[in-house]
Protein backbone atom coordinates (compact mmCIF):
# COMPACT_ATOMS: atom_id res chain seq x y z
CA MET A 1 14.77 -18.79 -48.20
CA ASN A 2 11.42 -19.59 -46.60
CA GLN A 3 13.15 -20.84 -43.43
CA LYS A 4 15.12 -17.60 -43.18
CA TYR A 5 11.93 -15.56 -43.67
CA LEU A 6 10.23 -17.60 -40.93
CA GLU A 7 13.06 -16.99 -38.47
CA VAL A 8 13.03 -13.26 -39.13
CA ASN A 9 9.30 -13.13 -38.43
CA VAL A 10 9.60 -15.00 -35.13
CA ILE A 11 12.51 -12.82 -34.03
CA THR A 12 10.63 -9.68 -35.04
CA TYR A 13 7.48 -10.66 -33.16
CA SER A 14 9.52 -11.65 -30.13
CA ALA A 15 11.33 -8.31 -30.07
CA ILE A 16 8.09 -6.33 -30.37
CA ILE A 17 6.32 -8.36 -27.66
CA ILE A 18 9.30 -7.90 -25.34
CA ALA A 19 9.07 -4.15 -26.03
CA CYS A 20 5.35 -4.31 -25.15
CA ASP A 21 6.34 -5.93 -21.86
CA LYS A 22 8.61 -3.02 -20.96
CA THR A 23 5.91 -0.44 -21.75
CA ALA A 24 2.90 -2.36 -20.33
CA GLN A 25 1.24 -2.46 -23.76
CA TRP A 26 -0.64 -5.66 -22.96
CA ARG A 27 -3.33 -5.31 -25.62
CA GLN A 28 -0.69 -4.96 -28.33
CA ALA A 29 1.15 -7.99 -26.90
CA LEU A 30 -2.02 -10.10 -27.08
CA GLN A 31 -2.73 -8.93 -30.63
CA LEU A 32 0.79 -9.85 -31.70
CA LEU A 33 0.43 -13.29 -30.13
CA ARG A 34 -2.77 -13.82 -32.12
CA GLU A 35 -0.98 -12.83 -35.31
CA VAL A 36 1.80 -15.29 -34.54
CA GLY A 37 -0.82 -18.02 -34.18
CA GLU A 38 -2.54 -17.04 -37.42
CA ARG A 39 0.79 -17.28 -39.26
CA SER A 40 1.40 -20.72 -37.70
CA LEU A 41 4.73 -19.55 -36.35
CA GLN A 42 6.49 -21.38 -33.55
CA VAL A 43 6.04 -19.60 -30.21
CA ASP A 44 8.37 -20.22 -27.28
CA LEU A 45 7.95 -19.65 -23.55
CA ILE A 46 9.98 -16.43 -23.62
CA ILE A 47 7.36 -14.74 -25.80
CA TYR A 48 4.56 -15.84 -23.48
CA ASN A 49 6.47 -14.72 -20.41
CA SER A 50 6.92 -11.27 -21.97
CA ALA A 51 3.22 -11.00 -22.82
CA ILE A 52 2.21 -12.12 -19.31
CA SER A 53 4.64 -9.59 -17.84
CA ALA A 54 3.03 -6.83 -19.93
CA CYS A 55 -0.34 -7.79 -18.42
CA SER A 56 1.22 -7.83 -14.97
CA ILE A 57 2.64 -4.33 -15.29
CA ALA A 58 -0.79 -3.13 -16.44
CA SER A 59 -2.52 -4.89 -13.47
CA GLU A 60 -4.52 -7.09 -15.85
CA SER A 61 -4.88 -10.44 -14.10
CA ARG A 62 -7.55 -12.01 -16.34
CA PRO A 63 -5.58 -11.90 -19.62
CA ALA A 64 -2.46 -12.99 -17.73
CA LEU A 65 -4.30 -16.07 -16.46
CA GLN A 66 -5.66 -16.74 -19.95
CA LEU A 67 -2.14 -16.61 -21.37
CA LEU A 68 -0.98 -19.05 -18.71
CA GLY A 69 -3.72 -21.40 -19.91
CA ASP A 70 -2.56 -20.95 -23.51
CA VAL A 71 0.95 -21.96 -22.47
CA ALA A 72 -0.34 -25.34 -21.31
CA GLN A 73 -2.45 -25.79 -24.46
CA ARG A 74 0.65 -25.28 -26.61
CA LYS A 75 2.39 -28.05 -24.66
CA LEU A 76 4.88 -25.58 -23.22
CA ARG A 77 5.97 -26.03 -19.62
CA PRO A 78 5.51 -22.88 -17.49
CA ASP A 79 8.57 -21.98 -15.45
CA LEU A 80 8.96 -19.91 -12.30
CA ILE A 81 9.14 -16.70 -14.35
CA THR A 82 5.78 -17.54 -15.92
CA TYR A 83 4.12 -18.15 -12.58
CA ASN A 84 5.69 -15.17 -10.81
CA SER A 85 4.66 -12.79 -13.60
CA THR A 86 1.10 -14.10 -13.46
CA LEU A 87 1.10 -13.84 -9.67
CA ASN A 88 2.24 -10.23 -9.91
CA ALA A 89 -0.74 -9.51 -12.14
CA CYS A 90 -3.05 -11.12 -9.55
CA GLU A 91 -1.41 -9.09 -6.80
CA LYS A 92 -1.94 -5.76 -8.55
CA ALA A 93 -5.54 -6.66 -9.32
CA ALA A 94 -6.12 -7.81 -5.70
CA ASP A 95 -7.08 -11.23 -7.11
CA TRP A 96 -6.15 -13.13 -3.96
CA LEU A 97 -8.09 -16.27 -4.85
CA GLY A 98 -6.42 -16.46 -8.25
CA ALA A 99 -3.04 -16.06 -6.55
CA LEU A 100 -3.73 -18.91 -4.11
CA LEU A 101 -4.90 -21.19 -6.93
CA LEU A 102 -1.77 -20.36 -8.90
CA LEU A 103 0.41 -21.26 -5.92
CA GLU A 104 -1.35 -24.62 -5.71
CA GLU A 105 -0.84 -25.20 -9.45
CA LEU A 106 2.81 -24.27 -9.17
CA GLU A 107 3.27 -26.88 -6.45
CA ARG A 108 1.40 -29.53 -8.49
CA GLU A 109 3.69 -28.87 -11.44
CA SER A 110 6.73 -29.32 -9.18
CA VAL A 111 7.95 -25.79 -9.85
CA GLU A 112 9.88 -24.62 -6.82
CA ALA A 113 8.53 -21.35 -5.40
CA ASP A 114 10.88 -18.59 -4.29
CA VAL A 115 10.54 -15.57 -2.01
CA ILE A 116 9.17 -13.50 -4.91
CA THR A 117 6.37 -16.06 -5.33
CA TYR A 118 5.29 -15.82 -1.71
CA SER A 119 5.66 -12.04 -1.70
CA ALA A 120 3.22 -11.73 -4.60
CA VAL A 121 0.67 -14.03 -2.92
CA ILE A 122 0.97 -12.19 0.41
CA ARG A 123 0.48 -8.82 -1.30
CA ALA A 124 -2.48 -10.11 -3.32
CA CYS A 125 -4.16 -11.25 -0.10
CA GLY A 126 -3.25 -7.97 1.56
CA GLN A 127 -4.72 -5.86 -1.24
CA ALA A 128 -8.01 -7.70 -0.75
CA ALA A 129 -7.84 -7.37 3.08
CA GLU A 130 -7.61 -11.18 3.34
CA TRP A 131 -5.26 -10.86 6.29
CA GLN A 132 -5.63 -14.43 7.55
CA GLN A 133 -4.56 -15.82 4.19
CA ALA A 134 -1.66 -13.35 4.07
CA LEU A 135 -0.45 -14.44 7.52
CA GLN A 136 -0.86 -18.09 6.54
CA MET A 137 1.40 -17.50 3.54
CA LEU A 138 3.92 -15.71 5.77
CA CYS A 139 3.85 -18.69 8.12
CA GLU A 140 4.46 -21.12 5.25
CA LEU A 141 7.33 -18.98 4.04
CA THR A 142 9.01 -18.75 7.44
CA THR A 143 8.71 -22.52 8.00
CA SER A 144 10.10 -23.36 4.55
CA GLN A 145 13.74 -23.42 3.52
CA LEU A 146 13.27 -19.92 2.12
CA GLU A 147 13.98 -16.85 4.22
CA ALA A 148 11.31 -14.20 4.60
CA ASP A 149 12.47 -10.63 4.09
CA LEU A 150 11.34 -7.26 5.38
CA ILE A 151 9.01 -6.79 2.40
CA ASN A 152 7.08 -9.94 3.33
CA TYR A 153 6.57 -8.74 6.90
CA ASN A 154 5.60 -5.24 5.80
CA SER A 155 3.07 -6.65 3.33
CA SER A 156 1.59 -8.85 6.06
CA ILE A 157 1.24 -5.90 8.44
CA SER A 158 -0.34 -3.85 5.64
CA SER A 159 -2.90 -6.62 5.09
CA CYS A 160 -3.81 -6.36 8.78
CA ALA A 161 -4.09 -2.58 8.38
CA LYS A 162 -6.57 -2.95 5.52
CA ALA A 163 -8.65 -5.36 7.60
CA GLU A 164 -8.31 -3.20 10.74
CA VAL A 165 -7.02 -6.01 12.95
CA TRP A 166 -4.47 -4.27 15.13
CA GLN A 167 -3.71 -7.24 17.40
CA ALA A 168 -2.60 -9.33 14.42
CA ALA A 169 -0.52 -6.44 13.05
CA LEU A 170 1.31 -6.08 16.37
CA GLU A 171 1.87 -9.84 16.56
CA VAL A 172 3.63 -9.74 13.20
CA PHE A 173 5.59 -6.68 14.33
CA ASN A 174 6.72 -8.41 17.51
CA GLN A 175 7.60 -11.56 15.56
CA MET A 176 9.90 -9.43 13.41
CA LEU A 177 11.68 -8.16 16.51
CA GLN A 178 12.04 -11.67 17.92
CA LEU A 179 13.63 -12.82 14.66
CA HIS A 180 16.00 -9.82 14.75
CA TYR A 181 14.54 -8.00 11.77
CA SER A 182 14.81 -4.21 11.91
CA PRO A 183 11.45 -2.55 11.16
CA ASP A 184 11.70 0.35 8.73
CA LYS A 185 9.51 3.40 8.06
CA ILE A 186 7.02 1.32 6.08
CA THR A 187 6.69 -1.16 8.95
CA TYR A 188 5.99 1.52 11.54
CA THR A 189 3.65 3.49 9.29
CA ALA A 190 1.55 0.40 8.51
CA ALA A 191 1.41 -0.74 12.14
CA ILE A 192 0.55 2.74 13.44
CA SER A 193 -2.13 3.18 10.76
CA THR A 194 -3.73 -0.07 11.92
CA CYS A 195 -3.81 1.19 15.51
CA THR A 196 -5.25 4.52 14.35
CA ASP A 197 -8.10 2.88 12.45
CA CYS A 198 -8.91 0.80 15.54
CA ILE A 199 -8.60 3.81 17.92
CA GLN A 200 -5.70 2.19 19.75
CA TRP A 201 -3.96 5.46 20.52
CA HIS A 202 -1.79 4.08 23.31
CA GLN A 203 -0.46 1.35 20.99
CA ALA A 204 0.28 3.94 18.31
CA LEU A 205 2.19 6.02 20.86
CA ALA A 206 4.14 2.96 21.98
CA LEU A 207 5.18 2.28 18.39
CA LEU A 208 6.35 5.86 17.96
CA GLN A 209 8.43 5.49 21.10
CA LYS A 210 9.97 2.24 19.84
CA ALA A 211 10.97 3.95 16.61
CA LYS A 212 12.59 6.75 18.60
CA VAL A 213 14.50 4.30 20.82
CA SER A 214 15.76 2.46 17.73
CA SER A 215 17.02 5.79 16.30
CA LEU A 216 14.84 5.34 13.22
CA GLN A 217 13.89 8.71 11.74
CA LEU A 218 10.23 8.56 10.73
CA ASP A 219 8.50 11.07 8.50
CA VAL A 220 5.43 13.09 9.47
CA ILE A 221 2.88 10.50 8.25
CA PRO A 222 2.94 8.16 11.31
CA TYR A 223 2.83 11.21 13.60
CA ASN A 224 -0.27 12.45 11.80
CA ALA A 225 -1.85 9.02 12.11
CA THR A 226 -1.14 8.94 15.85
CA ILE A 227 -2.63 12.42 16.33
CA THR A 228 -5.74 11.15 14.54
CA ALA A 229 -5.84 8.13 16.86
CA CYS A 230 -5.74 10.48 19.86
CA GLU A 231 -8.49 12.61 18.32
CA LYS A 232 -10.72 9.57 17.84
CA ALA A 233 -10.12 8.58 21.46
CA SER A 234 -10.85 12.14 22.71
CA ARG A 235 -7.26 12.57 23.93
CA TRP A 236 -6.80 16.15 22.85
CA ASN A 237 -3.98 16.86 25.31
CA GLN A 238 -1.98 13.99 23.88
CA ALA A 239 -2.74 15.17 20.35
CA MET A 240 -1.35 18.62 21.14
CA LEU A 241 1.79 17.11 22.68
CA LEU A 242 2.30 15.00 19.58
CA LEU A 243 1.97 18.05 17.35
CA THR A 244 4.77 19.67 19.35
CA SER A 245 6.88 16.51 19.22
CA ILE A 246 6.86 16.62 15.42
CA GLU A 247 9.01 19.73 15.53
CA GLU A 248 11.16 18.30 18.32
CA ASN A 249 12.03 15.39 16.04
CA GLN A 250 13.32 17.68 13.28
CA LEU A 251 10.16 17.30 11.19
CA GLN A 252 7.75 19.86 9.79
CA ALA A 253 4.08 19.62 10.73
CA ASP A 254 1.87 19.90 7.65
CA SER A 255 -1.77 20.77 7.02
CA ILE A 256 -2.82 17.21 7.86
CA SER A 257 -1.05 17.47 11.23
CA PHE A 258 -2.90 20.65 12.12
CA THR A 259 -6.25 19.41 10.81
CA ALA A 260 -6.00 16.31 13.03
CA ALA A 261 -4.99 18.42 16.04
CA ILE A 262 -7.82 20.91 15.43
CA ALA A 263 -10.24 17.98 15.17
CA SER A 264 -9.11 16.82 18.61
CA CYS A 265 -9.74 20.33 19.98
CA LYS A 266 -13.18 20.36 18.40
CA ALA A 267 -14.04 17.00 20.01
CA ALA A 268 -13.02 18.40 23.42
CA TRP A 269 -14.70 21.80 22.86
CA LYS A 270 -11.32 23.52 23.21
CA TRP A 271 -12.11 26.45 20.96
CA GLN A 272 -9.24 28.62 22.19
CA SER A 273 -6.71 25.94 21.26
CA ALA A 274 -8.41 25.44 17.90
CA LEU A 275 -8.11 29.16 17.15
CA LEU A 276 -4.45 29.18 18.17
CA LEU A 277 -3.76 26.28 15.83
CA LEU A 278 -5.57 28.01 12.96
CA ALA A 279 -3.48 31.12 13.61
CA GLU A 280 -0.33 29.00 13.52
CA VAL A 281 -1.41 27.52 10.19
CA THR A 282 -1.81 31.04 8.81
CA LEU A 283 1.59 32.14 10.12
CA ARG A 284 3.25 29.14 8.48
CA HIS A 285 1.47 29.83 5.18
CA LEU A 286 0.12 26.30 5.15
CA LYS A 287 -2.84 25.48 2.96
CA THR A 288 -6.20 25.52 4.72
CA ASP A 289 -9.38 23.90 3.45
CA VAL A 290 -13.07 23.74 4.23
CA ILE A 291 -12.57 20.78 6.56
CA MET A 292 -10.04 22.57 8.75
CA ASP A 293 -12.05 25.78 8.88
CA GLY A 294 -15.27 23.89 9.54
CA LEU A 295 -13.65 22.12 12.48
CA VAL A 296 -12.62 25.45 13.98
CA LEU A 297 -16.16 26.79 13.59
CA LEU A 298 -17.61 23.70 15.23
CA ALA A 299 -15.17 24.08 18.12
CA CYS A 300 -16.40 27.66 18.56
CA GLU A 301 -20.11 27.03 18.01
CA HIS A 302 -21.00 27.56 21.69
CA GLU A 303 -19.08 30.86 21.65
CA HIS A 304 -21.39 32.66 19.22
CA ILE A 305 -19.51 35.96 19.06
CA VAL A 306 -16.20 34.20 18.46
CA ALA A 307 -17.79 31.94 15.84
CA ARG A 308 -19.17 34.95 13.94
CA GLN A 309 -15.76 36.62 14.05
CA VAL A 310 -14.06 33.48 12.75
CA LEU A 311 -16.64 33.15 9.99
CA GLY A 312 -16.00 36.75 8.98
CA LEU A 313 -12.26 36.13 8.83
CA LEU A 314 -12.74 33.03 6.72
CA GLU A 315 -15.06 34.83 4.31
CA SER A 316 -12.58 37.69 3.98
CA SER A 317 -9.96 35.09 3.10
CA SER A 318 -12.13 33.98 0.14
CA ILE A 319 -12.80 30.58 1.72
CA THR A 320 -16.26 29.15 1.18
CA VAL A 321 -17.74 27.61 4.31
CA LYS A 322 -20.75 25.35 3.85
């Protein structure tokens, strides 16, 4: 009778902890594990994996690492699921150092890593802008018996974007092409964003052209980023052409597109163009904000009469200009 009662308790706790995993209720999972210990019930690796997964979903790397330590203390042998779940927690918390240490431990314990393992480590390094570590992991993956996938390359490029190292991002991009991978929207958006942050407008334009040649239909985000790159480089003519090309590629320019284009006009003191763009925004019933209107005013600041007229129009539209 006691044995049957014991089994029911273990099964019940296991079921509840697994449910906590699916709903990211990591605190409840930890509390249940403590109760299991207090009752001196036998805990298996499946229960720990579920609790670690709950921490992972909730981006809680510290309790996930503590649970991994508890697994060893209970003389249980962590498997690949255990390590990958813990690595996912490190990734979401941008705990790149913890992820690298876990990879070392995994290798010491002779647990064979898979693509998911490397993906988590690469993303953890990327989240923390540790681009060199991310690229090192990508290199290890590509030279192993495992095959890197598009996600690994995209994560590596994103790590370069966070660190604003455009040359490295383009090297990874070109490596993808050499290995016959087909870049997707995420690839192009990350690479173009890197070029934008580093004011490499010509590189951003080249990437847009490559996407067009490959017949890949991008959304408006990389176009907006490229317009911003042109604005930062004082290439207002190119910014205006890009704004037009959005429509030519069967896309709809949004408020961000027009704000970036107006900013390029402001930088070049092209107040007439700025006013035309603001008028176009109004005609399209797009949302304006203080930033957009302020840019127009700055573009017109040497044309005092025009500036006063614009200010009057903005005030009549119930927009507060500071």
